[in-house]
Amino acid sequence: MKVWIPHQAGRTLLGEVPPEVTVEVAEDVSRLPSDAAGVRFWVPPFLAGGDATALLRELPDLAVVQLLSAGADAWAGRVPQGVTLCDARGVHDPSTAEWVVAAILSQLRGFPALARAQARRDWAYDEVAPTDELTGKRVLIVGAGSIGTAVRDRLAPFEVSFTLVARTARPEQGVHGVEELPGLLPEADVVVLLVPLTEHTRGLVDEKFLAAMRDGALLVNAARGPVARTQALVAELRTGRISAALDVTDPEPLPADHELWTMPNVLLTPHVAGSVRGLLPRAYRLVGDQVRRFAAGGPLINTVVDGY
């Protein structure tokens, strides 16, 4: 049984695999390591799409696609019948949650303005201070999965209050349904987006969503760019009524002449929330576990159904 992985280091990071498993490195989908026949388990390159999804048609024996990303939007609906699609839920929780906390603190404490002042060698105390603070804020987390839980746990020491929202309400867990957003948004100081990109969440953040946010609120998007309608978001940000911290955009990469780059109330990072040095070891622990499960005929975890 052949397993294709996208990193040379993955050979070691996988751990022990059964003797019948042959691991090959397929870093570039345009230069395959061997004949496609016999590949049963494939780990595409991180954030792969386009050319990588096209390779699905060339793998006649494929049984499992194991993604390294938490989101499966580029793959859901494109995997042939009979092939199991799995995502990397759990792998990105620590790093993405850290980015969310850092982004919230950076915006509330005025770090972007302070960085601009440093660049011009300006001791801009009177310009920036006093800043806002995180303590006591009301945080609305839209996406109550494992990353949402990780964000909640890391924000808890800041004495904030939380409201979690999921596609379906879970009253016994204190989780609200997405249909409750119109009543929840006006009460939130910080709104964090952590939902997967599906037909249900595409364009979730539209004119009505943004208009419902309270004056001075902060929108944090660590989900996917198309969860927010960019034109509506830019229009609302122009008013200065809200601010944003965005790790993802639509389009992505963001064109150099796009207005979001220069908005003073926007913190923008290039989809790096999950990109940390500890990512590969965590990712390949999952991959190794999945390979061993599959080889033994056991159930796989993190299977994707209906985009989730």
Protein backbone atom coordinates (compact mmCIF):
# COMPACT_ATOMS: atom_id res chain seq x y z
CA MET A 1 0.00 0.00 0.00
CA LYS A 2 1.44 3.35 -1.05
CA VAL A 3 1.08 6.51 1.01
CA TRP A 4 2.00 9.89 -0.48
CA ILE A 5 2.99 12.73 1.85
CA PRO A 6 4.15 16.27 0.92
CA HIS A 7 7.16 16.70 3.25
CA GLN A 8 10.46 14.82 3.43
CA ALA A 9 10.48 15.37 7.19
CA GLY A 10 7.17 13.57 7.35
CA ARG A 11 8.89 10.21 6.90
CA THR A 12 10.31 10.53 10.41
CA LEU A 13 7.45 12.48 11.95
CA LEU A 14 4.92 9.79 10.97
CA GLY A 15 6.33 7.35 13.47
CA GLU A 16 6.27 3.62 12.81
CA VAL A 17 3.98 2.36 10.08
CA PRO A 18 3.08 -1.25 9.22
CA PRO A 19 5.59 -3.09 6.98
CA GLU A 20 3.11 -3.29 4.11
CA VAL A 21 3.00 0.53 3.91
CA THR A 22 5.36 2.30 1.48
CA VAL A 23 5.72 6.02 2.18
CA GLU A 24 6.71 8.28 -0.72
CA VAL A 25 7.19 12.05 -0.79
CA ALA A 26 5.05 13.94 -3.31
CA GLU A 27 5.97 17.56 -2.63
CA ASP A 28 4.84 18.81 -6.03
CA VAL A 29 1.76 17.40 -7.75
CA SER A 30 3.36 18.14 -11.12
CA ARG A 31 6.32 15.83 -10.32
CA LEU A 32 5.03 12.59 -8.87
CA PRO A 33 7.41 10.18 -7.10
CA SER A 34 6.13 7.03 -8.81
CA ASP A 35 3.27 5.57 -10.78
CA ALA A 36 -0.12 6.61 -9.40
CA ALA A 37 -1.33 3.02 -9.26
CA GLY A 38 -1.39 1.62 -5.76
CA VAL A 39 -1.67 4.96 -3.95
CA ARG A 40 -4.29 4.30 -1.30
CA PHE A 41 -3.67 7.17 1.10
CA TRP A 42 -2.75 10.70 -0.03
CA VAL A 43 -1.77 13.75 2.00
CA PRO A 44 -1.87 16.76 -0.37
CA PRO A 45 0.40 19.78 0.16
CA PHE A 46 -0.78 22.24 2.79
CA LEU A 47 -3.51 24.60 1.48
CA ALA A 48 -3.40 22.79 -1.86
CA GLY A 49 -6.23 23.28 -4.33
CA GLY A 50 -6.62 23.64 -8.07
CA ASP A 51 -3.95 21.40 -9.61
CA ALA A 52 -3.92 19.20 -6.52
CA THR A 53 -7.63 18.47 -6.63
CA ALA A 54 -7.28 17.65 -10.34
CA LEU A 55 -4.87 14.86 -9.38
CA LEU A 56 -7.77 13.01 -7.78
CA ARG A 57 -8.76 11.78 -11.24
CA GLU A 58 -5.31 10.23 -11.74
CA LEU A 59 -5.29 8.06 -8.61
CA PRO A 60 -7.36 4.97 -9.46
CA ASP A 61 -6.75 3.13 -6.19
CA LEU A 62 -7.17 6.07 -3.83
CA ALA A 63 -9.18 5.43 -0.66
CA VAL A 64 -8.28 8.30 1.69
CA VAL A 65 -7.41 11.98 1.29
CA GLN A 66 -5.98 13.38 4.52
CA LEU A 67 -5.73 17.16 4.52
CA LEU A 68 -3.25 19.14 6.59
CA SER A 69 -5.68 22.06 6.87
CA ALA A 70 -8.54 22.47 9.30
CA GLY A 71 -10.82 23.57 6.47
CA ALA A 72 -11.89 21.31 3.62
CA ASP A 73 -13.66 23.87 1.41
CA ALA A 74 -11.34 23.34 -1.58
CA TRP A 75 -11.98 19.58 -1.49
CA ALA A 76 -15.54 19.02 -0.29
CA GLY A 77 -17.69 17.85 -3.17
CA ARG A 78 -14.69 17.11 -5.40
CA VAL A 79 -13.53 13.83 -3.90
CA PRO A 80 -14.68 10.80 -5.92
CA GLN A 81 -17.35 8.54 -4.54
CA GLY A 82 -15.84 5.89 -2.31
CA VAL A 83 -12.90 8.07 -1.22
CA THR A 84 -12.90 9.27 2.39
CA LEU A 85 -11.95 12.91 2.99
CA CYS A 86 -10.42 13.81 6.36
CA ASP A 87 -9.32 17.20 7.66
CA ALA A 88 -6.78 18.21 10.31
CA ARG A 89 -9.16 19.28 13.04
CA GLY A 90 -7.26 19.75 16.27
CA VAL A 91 -3.87 20.26 14.65
CA HIS A 92 -4.32 24.01 14.21
CA ASP A 93 -6.13 24.73 17.46
CA PRO A 94 -3.18 26.08 19.52
CA SER A 95 -1.64 28.24 16.79
CA THR A 96 -4.90 29.69 15.47
CA ALA A 97 -6.14 30.41 18.98
CA GLU A 98 -2.86 32.19 19.77
CA TRP A 99 -3.24 34.32 16.64
CA VAL A 100 -6.79 35.29 17.62
CA VAL A 101 -5.70 36.36 21.10
CA ALA A 102 -2.71 38.26 19.69
CA ALA A 103 -4.86 39.98 17.06
CA ILE A 104 -7.48 41.04 19.59
CA LEU A 105 -4.87 42.40 21.98
CA SER A 106 -3.00 44.14 19.15
CA GLN A 107 -6.08 45.98 17.97
CA LEU A 108 -7.49 46.85 21.38
CA ARG A 109 -4.12 48.06 22.69
CA GLY A 110 -3.31 50.05 19.55
CA PHE A 111 -0.24 48.09 18.45
CA PRO A 112 -0.64 48.86 14.71
CA ALA A 113 -0.67 52.61 15.43
CA LEU A 114 2.28 52.21 17.78
CA ALA A 115 4.22 50.27 15.13
CA ARG A 116 3.57 53.05 12.61
CA ALA A 117 4.77 55.60 15.16
CA GLN A 118 7.93 53.56 15.79
CA ALA A 119 8.65 53.45 12.06
CA ARG A 120 8.62 57.26 11.94
CA ARG A 121 10.51 57.51 15.29
CA ASP A 122 7.62 59.29 16.94
CA TRP A 123 7.01 58.99 20.70
CA ALA A 124 3.28 59.08 20.08
CA TYR A 125 1.94 58.76 23.61
CA ASP A 126 -0.61 61.54 23.26
CA GLU A 127 -1.74 60.15 19.90
CA VAL A 128 -2.39 56.59 21.07
CA ALA A 129 -2.93 56.55 24.83
CA PRO A 130 -5.15 55.67 26.53
CA THR A 131 -5.96 52.54 24.56
CA ASP A 132 -8.83 50.13 24.94
CA GLU A 133 -8.40 46.88 26.90
CA LEU A 134 -9.53 43.27 26.67
CA THR A 135 -10.49 42.87 30.32
CA GLY A 136 -14.24 42.77 30.76
CA LYS A 137 -15.08 42.58 27.08
CA ARG A 138 -17.99 40.54 25.69
CA VAL A 139 -16.69 38.09 23.07
CA LEU A 140 -18.92 36.38 20.52
CA ILE A 141 -17.28 33.31 18.96
CA VAL A 142 -18.97 32.25 15.72
CA GLY A 143 -17.87 28.65 15.28
CA ALA A 144 -18.04 26.42 18.34
CA GLY A 145 -15.66 23.70 17.18
CA SER A 146 -12.29 22.77 18.62
CA ILE A 147 -10.62 26.05 17.58
CA GLY A 148 -13.47 28.04 19.10
CA THR A 149 -13.04 26.13 22.34
CA ALA A 150 -9.28 26.77 22.26
CA VAL A 151 -9.90 30.50 21.78
CA ARG A 152 -12.35 30.54 24.67
CA ASP A 153 -9.89 28.79 26.98
CA ARG A 154 -7.07 31.20 26.13
CA LEU A 155 -9.23 34.29 26.54
CA ALA A 156 -10.71 33.19 29.87
CA PRO A 157 -7.87 34.63 32.03
CA PHE A 158 -8.68 38.09 30.65
CA GLU A 159 -11.99 38.09 32.55
CA VAL A 160 -14.11 38.32 29.43
CA SER A 161 -17.61 36.92 28.95
CA PHE A 162 -18.33 34.50 26.12
CA THR A 163 -21.13 33.59 23.77
CA LEU A 164 -20.57 30.66 21.39
CA VAL A 165 -22.52 30.17 18.17
CA ALA A 166 -22.72 27.05 16.00
CA ARG A 167 -24.73 25.99 12.97
CA THR A 168 -27.14 24.23 15.33
CA ALA A 169 -27.90 25.29 18.90
CA ARG A 170 -26.70 23.03 21.72
CA PRO A 171 -28.55 24.44 24.75
CA GLU A 172 -27.11 21.85 27.13
CA GLN A 173 -23.62 23.19 26.27
CA GLY A 174 -24.60 26.85 26.23
CA VAL A 175 -24.10 27.10 22.46
CA HIS A 176 -26.47 29.29 20.45
CA GLY A 177 -27.67 28.63 16.91
CA VAL A 178 -26.60 30.80 13.98
CA GLU A 179 -30.17 32.07 13.58
CA GLU A 180 -29.71 33.92 16.90
CA LEU A 181 -26.91 36.14 15.55
CA PRO A 182 -29.11 39.23 14.91
CA GLY A 183 -29.86 39.42 18.62
CA LEU A 184 -26.34 38.52 19.78
CA LEU A 185 -24.24 40.82 17.59
CA PRO A 186 -25.36 44.13 19.18
CA GLU A 187 -24.16 42.88 22.58
CA ALA A 188 -20.64 41.84 21.51
CA ASP A 189 -17.49 43.95 21.81
CA VAL A 190 -15.44 41.38 19.86
CA VAL A 191 -16.79 39.03 17.16
CA VAL A 192 -14.51 36.12 16.21
CA LEU A 193 -15.18 34.14 13.02
CA LEU A 194 -14.01 30.51 13.13
CA VAL A 195 -16.53 28.73 10.90
CA PRO A 196 -15.64 26.45 7.99
CA LEU A 197 -16.41 27.74 4.50
CA THR A 198 -19.54 25.98 3.27
CA GLU A 199 -22.62 26.90 1.29
CA HIS A 200 -24.18 27.91 4.62
CA THR A 201 -21.36 30.22 5.75
CA ARG A 202 -20.27 31.84 2.48
CA GLY A 203 -21.19 35.51 2.74
CA LEU A 204 -22.38 35.11 6.34
CA VAL A 205 -20.86 38.49 7.20
CA ASP A 206 -22.95 40.75 5.00
CA GLU A 207 -24.43 44.24 5.29
CA LYS A 208 -27.03 43.14 7.86
CA PHE A 209 -24.47 41.28 9.97
CA LEU A 210 -22.12 44.27 10.02
CA ALA A 211 -24.90 46.78 10.69
CA ALA A 212 -25.95 44.74 13.72
CA MET A 213 -22.49 45.03 15.31
CA ARG A 214 -22.22 47.59 18.07
CA ASP A 215 -20.27 50.82 17.62
CA GLY A 216 -16.58 50.28 18.38
CA ALA A 217 -16.77 46.50 17.97
CA LEU A 218 -13.87 44.45 16.60
CA LEU A 219 -14.39 41.79 13.91
CA VAL A 220 -11.75 39.03 13.83
CA ASN A 221 -11.68 36.66 10.84
CA ALA A 222 -9.53 33.56 11.26
CA ALA A 223 -11.94 31.42 9.22
CA ARG A 224 -11.94 31.85 5.43
CA GLY A 225 -12.06 35.06 3.42
CA PRO A 226 -15.36 34.40 1.62
CA VAL A 227 -17.18 34.03 4.95
CA ALA A 228 -17.27 37.84 4.77
CA ARG A 229 -18.53 39.84 1.80
CA THR A 230 -15.50 42.00 1.13
CA GLN A 231 -17.34 44.91 -0.45
CA ALA A 232 -19.73 45.16 2.50
CA LEU A 233 -16.87 44.84 4.99
CA VAL A 234 -14.82 47.57 3.33
CA ALA A 235 -17.84 49.88 3.23
CA GLU A 236 -18.47 49.40 6.96
CA LEU A 237 -14.80 49.83 7.84
CA ARG A 238 -14.67 53.09 5.87
CA THR A 239 -17.13 54.60 8.33
CA GLY A 240 -14.72 53.95 11.20
CA ARG A 241 -17.59 52.55 13.25
CA ILE A 242 -15.93 49.13 13.68
CA SER A 243 -12.42 47.73 13.30
CA ALA A 244 -11.13 44.41 12.01
CA ALA A 245 -8.30 41.90 12.35
CA LEU A 246 -8.11 39.72 9.25
CA ASP A 247 -5.90 36.69 8.65
CA VAL A 248 -7.93 35.76 5.58
CA THR A 249 -9.39 37.80 2.74
CA ASP A 250 -11.40 37.45 -0.44
CA PRO A 251 -9.62 37.51 -2.84
CA GLU A 252 -6.52 35.88 -1.45
CA PRO A 253 -3.75 36.83 -1.80
CA LEU A 254 -5.03 40.38 -1.50
CA PRO A 255 -4.03 42.58 -4.47
CA ALA A 256 -1.41 45.20 -3.64
CA ASP A 257 -3.76 48.05 -4.53
CA HIS A 258 -6.65 46.84 -2.37
CA GLU A 259 -8.08 49.35 0.08
CA LEU A 260 -7.85 46.97 3.04
CA TRP A 261 -4.05 47.31 3.07
CA THR A 262 -4.12 50.97 4.07
CA MET A 263 -7.14 51.20 6.36
CA PRO A 264 -5.98 52.46 9.78
CA ASN A 265 -8.62 50.38 11.59
CA VAL A 266 -7.55 47.08 9.97
CA LEU A 267 -4.87 44.62 11.10
CA LEU A 268 -4.02 42.37 8.17
CA THR A 269 -1.90 39.20 8.15
CA PRO A 270 -1.31 36.84 5.18
CA HIS A 271 -3.15 33.68 6.32
CA VAL A 272 -0.50 32.82 8.91
CA ALA A 273 -2.66 31.99 11.93
CA GLY A 274 -1.84 28.29 11.73
CA SER A 275 1.71 28.62 10.42
CA VAL A 276 4.02 27.91 13.34
CA ARG A 277 7.13 25.78 13.75
CA GLY A 278 5.26 23.17 15.76
CA LEU A 279 2.67 22.60 13.04
CA LEU A 280 4.38 19.77 11.11
CA PRO A 281 5.05 17.54 14.14
CA ARG A 282 1.42 17.92 15.22
CA ALA A 283 0.14 17.35 11.69
CA TYR A 284 2.18 14.20 11.11
CA ARG A 285 1.19 12.74 14.45
CA LEU A 286 -2.36 12.87 13.08
CA VAL A 287 -1.30 11.51 9.68
CA GLY A 288 0.64 8.65 11.26
CA ASP A 289 -2.32 7.74 13.44
CA GLN A 290 -4.64 7.81 10.43
CA VAL A 291 -2.32 5.64 8.31
CA ARG A 292 -2.10 3.06 11.08
CA ARG A 293 -5.88 3.11 11.54
CA PHE A 294 -6.46 2.64 7.81
CA ALA A 295 -3.88 -0.13 7.46
CA ALA A 296 -5.51 -2.00 10.34
CA GLY A 297 -8.99 -1.59 8.87
CA GLY A 298 -10.07 0.66 11.73
CA PRO A 299 -12.27 3.77 11.66
CA LEU A 300 -10.72 7.07 10.59
CA ILE A 301 -11.21 10.28 12.55
CA ASN A 302 -11.88 13.83 11.29
CA THR A 303 -13.96 12.61 8.38
CA VAL A 304 -15.60 15.44 6.43
CA VAL A 305 -19.35 15.30 5.82
CA ASP A 306 -21.26 18.16 4.15
CA GLY A 307 -18.16 20.36 4.27
CA TYR A 308 -17.61 19.90 8.02
